[in-house]
Amino acid sequence: MYQSVLCGVAASVDYPHPTNRNLAITERCYAYINQLQLVFDAYAELEDIHSSINSADDKSAEPNHFSAYDLRAVDRENHCRDYSYLLITSLKSLLDIFACLVEETLTETVIDEDQMTDIRKIRRGLNKPGFQPMLAAFERFNRYLWINNIAEIRNRLIHRGYRTKPDFGFRKSDDLTIKILSANNPPYATIKIGQLFEEFITSLPEMEKEVSNILISLLPTLQQGPRLNFFYRAGGGITEYIFKETD
């Protein structure tokens, strides 16, 4: 079971009253968790692919022949391409919904889908008196190298025709490397999938905790602490989103 501190705090603001903002935040919490699950699933698939390829012998039986490792790498290349694309785009969507949740909660607004917050541009919504602590937090988040890399690479994949391609080489590796390519140009960037996921999974709980504490300090309705905890679990074909009142 996964707990999101931010979703619990955000959903507590107008609880138990069914306001428009409360309904919008509830939906945003679901969207946030759905993207998080896509990130987990895509990473798990990539790890399975990497493990499967690494389990093959990378030494060919005869000179100038492909090894079992090479043949398996070629066979799984398209799967690796697709899941790395999904991982990158889902990570960026997750970060944007994270920023949107914070902005809607703090500014008491409901943001239309066609005006959704971009994590790197959230300062436009928070550049108001009293919001400086939150603005400072996001300015710090946006200096994280992995966030900037994901944002830039996602935009190139979606809008500029770049593509992902695994960089298997001809030998087993400790981490799966993905190249970001554009037509016939040299690689724009390379991503080590394990390292990226480690940075993400380490940073996100800390980011949630920091913005949640700021929300609690700034919003009068949260002065006594959040009224709800939010949990999520999935398995066996069942997905549950659970809002539970705090003790």
Protein backbone atom coordinates (compact mmCIF):
# COMPACT_ATOMS: atom_id res chain seq x y z
CA MET A 1 0.00 0.00 0.00
CA TYR A 2 1.30 3.44 -0.96
CA GLN A 3 0.53 6.58 1.05
CA SER A 4 0.61 10.05 -0.51
CA VAL A 5 1.04 12.73 2.15
CA LEU A 6 0.31 15.48 -0.39
CA CYS A 7 -3.00 13.96 -1.54
CA GLY A 8 -4.16 13.61 2.06
CA VAL A 9 -3.33 17.24 2.86
CA ALA A 10 -4.85 18.60 -0.37
CA ALA A 11 -8.09 16.66 0.09
CA SER A 12 -8.37 17.89 3.69
CA VAL A 13 -8.72 21.59 2.86
CA ASP A 14 -12.49 21.68 2.28
CA TYR A 15 -13.34 18.34 3.91
CA PRO A 16 -16.09 17.33 4.61
CA HIS A 17 -17.82 19.89 2.36
CA PRO A 18 -18.29 18.85 -1.31
CA THR A 19 -17.01 22.08 -2.91
CA ASN A 20 -15.96 22.37 -6.54
CA ARG A 21 -12.34 22.59 -5.46
CA ASN A 22 -12.67 19.51 -3.26
CA LEU A 23 -14.11 17.49 -6.14
CA ALA A 24 -11.40 18.73 -8.51
CA ILE A 25 -8.63 17.90 -6.02
CA THR A 26 -10.05 14.42 -5.50
CA GLU A 27 -9.89 13.78 -9.25
CA ARG A 28 -6.38 15.26 -9.35
CA CYS A 29 -5.31 12.84 -6.60
CA TYR A 30 -6.56 9.92 -8.68
CA ALA A 31 -4.71 11.24 -11.73
CA TYR A 32 -1.53 11.69 -9.68
CA ILE A 33 -1.62 8.13 -8.41
CA ASN A 34 -2.47 6.74 -11.87
CA GLN A 35 0.66 8.37 -13.28
CA LEU A 36 2.69 7.08 -10.36
CA GLN A 37 1.48 3.55 -11.09
CA LEU A 38 2.48 3.95 -14.75
CA VAL A 39 5.96 4.98 -13.63
CA PHE A 40 6.24 1.93 -11.38
CA ASP A 41 4.92 -0.41 -14.08
CA ALA A 42 7.17 0.97 -16.82
CA TYR A 43 10.23 0.74 -14.58
CA ALA A 44 9.37 -2.84 -13.56
CA GLU A 45 9.06 -3.84 -17.23
CA LEU A 46 12.40 -2.23 -18.07
CA GLU A 47 14.08 -4.00 -15.16
CA ASP A 48 12.62 -7.32 -16.32
CA ILE A 49 13.90 -6.69 -19.86
CA HIS A 50 17.36 -5.76 -18.59
CA SER A 51 17.49 -8.81 -16.32
CA SER A 52 16.34 -11.12 -19.11
CA ILE A 53 18.97 -9.83 -21.52
CA ASN A 54 21.72 -9.96 -18.90
CA SER A 55 20.86 -13.60 -18.15
CA ALA A 56 21.99 -14.56 -21.66
CA ASP A 57 25.60 -15.42 -22.49
CA ASP A 58 27.38 -12.41 -24.00
CA LYS A 59 30.19 -14.52 -25.47
CA SER A 60 29.62 -15.94 -28.95
CA ALA A 61 30.41 -19.57 -29.65
CA GLU A 62 32.33 -18.64 -32.82
CA PRO A 63 34.22 -15.55 -33.96
CA ASN A 64 32.17 -12.96 -35.86
CA HIS A 65 28.89 -14.49 -34.68
CA PHE A 66 26.24 -12.85 -32.52
CA SER A 67 26.06 -14.03 -28.94
CA ALA A 68 22.85 -15.12 -27.21
CA TYR A 69 22.98 -11.75 -25.42
CA ASP A 70 23.05 -9.87 -28.74
CA LEU A 71 20.13 -11.82 -30.17
CA ARG A 72 18.00 -11.33 -27.07
CA ALA A 73 18.84 -7.62 -27.02
CA VAL A 74 17.64 -7.24 -30.60
CA ASP A 75 14.47 -9.19 -29.81
CA ARG A 76 13.59 -6.95 -26.83
CA GLU A 77 14.65 -3.61 -28.33
CA ASN A 78 11.17 -2.41 -29.27
CA HIS A 79 9.76 -3.29 -25.84
CA CYS A 80 12.59 -1.35 -24.22
CA ARG A 81 11.97 1.62 -26.53
CA ASP A 82 8.24 1.71 -25.72
CA TYR A 83 8.54 1.32 -21.94
CA SER A 84 11.32 3.91 -21.67
CA TYR A 85 9.10 6.35 -23.59
CA LEU A 86 6.24 5.57 -21.20
CA LEU A 87 8.49 6.02 -18.16
CA ILE A 88 9.71 9.45 -19.26
CA THR A 89 6.32 10.83 -20.30
CA SER A 90 4.59 9.48 -17.18
CA LEU A 91 7.25 10.96 -14.91
CA LYS A 92 6.77 14.42 -16.45
CA SER A 93 2.96 14.13 -16.19
CA LEU A 94 3.31 13.07 -12.55
CA LEU A 95 5.46 16.10 -11.77
CA ASP A 96 3.01 18.46 -13.46
CA ILE A 97 0.04 17.02 -11.56
CA PHE A 98 2.08 17.33 -8.36
CA ALA A 99 2.52 21.05 -9.10
CA CYS A 100 -1.15 21.42 -10.07
CA LEU A 101 -2.31 19.84 -6.80
CA VAL A 102 -0.20 22.29 -4.82
CA GLU A 103 -1.35 25.33 -6.80
CA GLU A 104 -5.05 24.43 -6.61
CA THR A 105 -4.82 23.76 -2.87
CA LEU A 106 -2.90 26.91 -2.05
CA THR A 107 -4.70 29.38 -4.33
CA GLU A 108 -8.21 27.99 -3.77
CA THR A 109 -8.78 27.68 -7.50
CA VAL A 110 -9.77 24.93 -9.93
CA ILE A 111 -7.44 24.78 -12.93
CA ASP A 112 -8.96 23.85 -16.29
CA GLU A 113 -7.36 20.92 -18.11
CA ASP A 114 -6.16 23.13 -20.97
CA GLN A 115 -4.35 25.37 -18.48
CA MET A 116 -2.70 22.69 -16.37
CA THR A 117 0.34 23.67 -14.36
CA ASP A 118 3.84 22.87 -15.63
CA ILE A 119 6.21 22.18 -12.73
CA ARG A 120 8.84 24.45 -14.27
CA LYS A 121 6.38 27.33 -14.70
CA ILE A 122 4.47 27.10 -11.43
CA ARG A 123 6.05 30.37 -10.27
CA ARG A 124 3.41 32.15 -12.37
CA GLY A 125 0.68 30.86 -10.04
CA LEU A 126 2.64 31.26 -6.80
CA ASN A 127 4.15 34.70 -7.38
CA LYS A 128 1.83 36.30 -4.85
CA PRO A 129 2.27 37.80 -1.36
CA GLY A 130 2.47 35.12 1.31
CA PHE A 131 3.32 32.29 -1.05
CA GLN A 132 7.11 32.83 -1.00
CA PRO A 133 7.89 29.65 1.01
CA MET A 134 6.16 27.49 -1.59
CA LEU A 135 7.71 29.40 -4.48
CA ALA A 136 11.15 28.90 -2.93
CA ALA A 137 10.50 25.17 -2.58
CA PHE A 138 9.61 24.81 -6.27
CA GLU A 139 12.57 26.91 -7.33
CA ARG A 140 14.73 24.42 -5.46
CA PHE A 141 12.93 21.39 -6.96
CA ASN A 142 13.49 22.81 -10.43
CA ARG A 143 17.22 22.83 -9.83
CA TYR A 144 17.19 19.05 -9.46
CA LEU A 145 19.05 17.72 -12.47
CA TRP A 146 16.75 14.73 -12.96
CA ILE A 147 13.64 16.94 -13.08
CA ASN A 148 15.17 19.27 -15.67
CA ASN A 149 16.36 16.33 -17.75
CA ILE A 150 12.96 14.63 -17.70
CA ALA A 151 11.15 17.86 -18.62
CA GLU A 152 13.47 18.65 -21.52
CA ILE A 153 13.59 15.10 -22.86
CA ARG A 154 9.80 14.64 -22.62
CA ASN A 155 9.26 17.83 -24.63
CA ARG A 156 11.67 16.66 -27.31
CA LEU A 157 9.98 13.26 -27.50
CA ILE A 158 6.47 14.70 -27.75
CA HIS A 159 7.00 17.83 -29.81
CA ARG A 160 10.25 17.50 -31.74
CA GLY A 161 10.30 13.96 -33.07
CA TYR A 162 13.01 12.57 -30.82
CA ARG A 163 12.90 8.88 -29.91
CA THR A 164 14.26 6.47 -27.34
CA LYS A 165 16.63 3.63 -28.16
CA PRO A 166 18.31 1.19 -25.76
CA ASP A 167 22.09 1.18 -25.72
CA PHE A 168 22.84 -2.48 -25.10
CA GLY A 169 26.31 -2.71 -26.60
CA PHE A 170 27.65 -6.25 -26.79
CA ARG A 171 28.31 -6.93 -23.12
CA LYS A 172 26.25 -7.29 -19.95
CA SER A 173 25.74 -4.04 -18.03
CA ASP A 174 24.94 -2.97 -14.48
CA ASP A 175 22.28 -0.48 -15.58
CA LEU A 176 20.03 -0.15 -18.59
CA THR A 177 21.05 2.86 -20.69
CA ILE A 178 18.63 4.65 -23.02
CA LYS A 179 19.76 7.00 -25.79
CA ILE A 180 17.61 9.97 -26.84
CA LEU A 181 17.97 10.37 -30.60
CA SER A 182 16.89 12.82 -33.29
CA ALA A 183 16.90 11.65 -36.93
CA ASN A 184 20.52 11.23 -38.04
CA ASN A 185 22.07 13.46 -35.37
CA PRO A 186 24.31 12.19 -32.57
CA PRO A 187 22.47 11.23 -29.35
CA TYR A 188 21.05 14.25 -27.55
CA ALA A 189 21.30 12.55 -24.15
CA THR A 190 21.62 9.21 -22.42
CA ILE A 191 19.67 8.05 -19.38
CA LYS A 192 20.61 5.34 -16.93
CA ILE A 193 17.20 3.96 -16.00
CA GLY A 194 18.14 2.58 -12.59
CA GLN A 195 19.83 5.81 -11.56
CA LEU A 196 16.89 7.91 -12.76
CA PHE A 197 14.37 5.81 -10.85
CA GLU A 198 16.49 5.90 -7.69
CA GLU A 199 16.68 9.71 -7.83
CA PHE A 200 12.94 9.94 -8.43
CA ILE A 201 11.85 7.50 -5.70
CA THR A 202 14.21 9.20 -3.21
CA SER A 203 13.12 12.74 -4.07
CA LEU A 204 9.34 12.39 -4.36
CA PRO A 205 8.49 11.57 -0.71
CA GLU A 206 10.71 14.43 0.44
CA MET A 207 9.06 16.82 -2.03
CA GLU A 208 5.59 15.73 -0.89
CA LYS A 209 6.51 16.18 2.76
CA GLU A 210 8.00 19.64 2.21
CA VAL A 211 5.09 21.10 0.23
CA SER A 212 2.58 19.50 2.61
CA ASN A 213 4.23 21.15 5.61
CA ILE A 214 4.16 24.50 3.81
CA LEU A 215 0.47 24.08 2.95
CA ILE A 216 -0.32 23.30 6.58
CA SER A 217 1.57 26.40 7.73
CA LEU A 218 -0.12 28.72 5.21
CA LEU A 219 -3.76 27.58 5.15
CA PRO A 220 -6.00 28.35 8.15
CA THR A 221 -8.19 25.29 7.51
CA LEU A 222 -5.13 23.07 8.00
CA GLN A 223 -3.79 24.65 11.19
CA GLN A 224 -4.90 21.63 13.22
CA GLY A 225 -3.31 19.27 10.72
CA PRO A 226 -4.81 17.32 7.80
CA ARG A 227 -8.14 15.61 8.38
CA LEU A 228 -7.51 12.88 5.84
CA ASN A 229 -4.86 10.35 4.93
CA PHE A 230 -4.72 9.01 1.41
CA PHE A 231 -3.70 5.45 0.52
CA TYR A 232 -3.49 3.55 -2.72
CA ARG A 233 -3.05 -0.10 -3.50
CA ALA A 234 -3.29 -2.25 -6.60
CA GLY A 235 -3.07 -5.96 -7.20
CA GLY A 236 -4.98 -8.92 -8.50
CA GLY A 237 -6.82 -6.75 -10.99
CA ILE A 238 -8.16 -4.49 -8.22
CA THR A 239 -7.25 -0.83 -7.68
CA GLU A 240 -8.25 1.02 -4.52
CA TYR A 241 -8.05 4.73 -3.69
CA ILE A 242 -8.64 5.18 0.03
CA PHE A 243 -9.30 8.45 1.86
CA LYS A 244 -9.31 7.76 5.60
CA GLU A 245 -10.00 10.22 8.39
CA THR A 246 -7.07 10.86 10.70
CA ASP A 247 -7.34 9.79 14.33
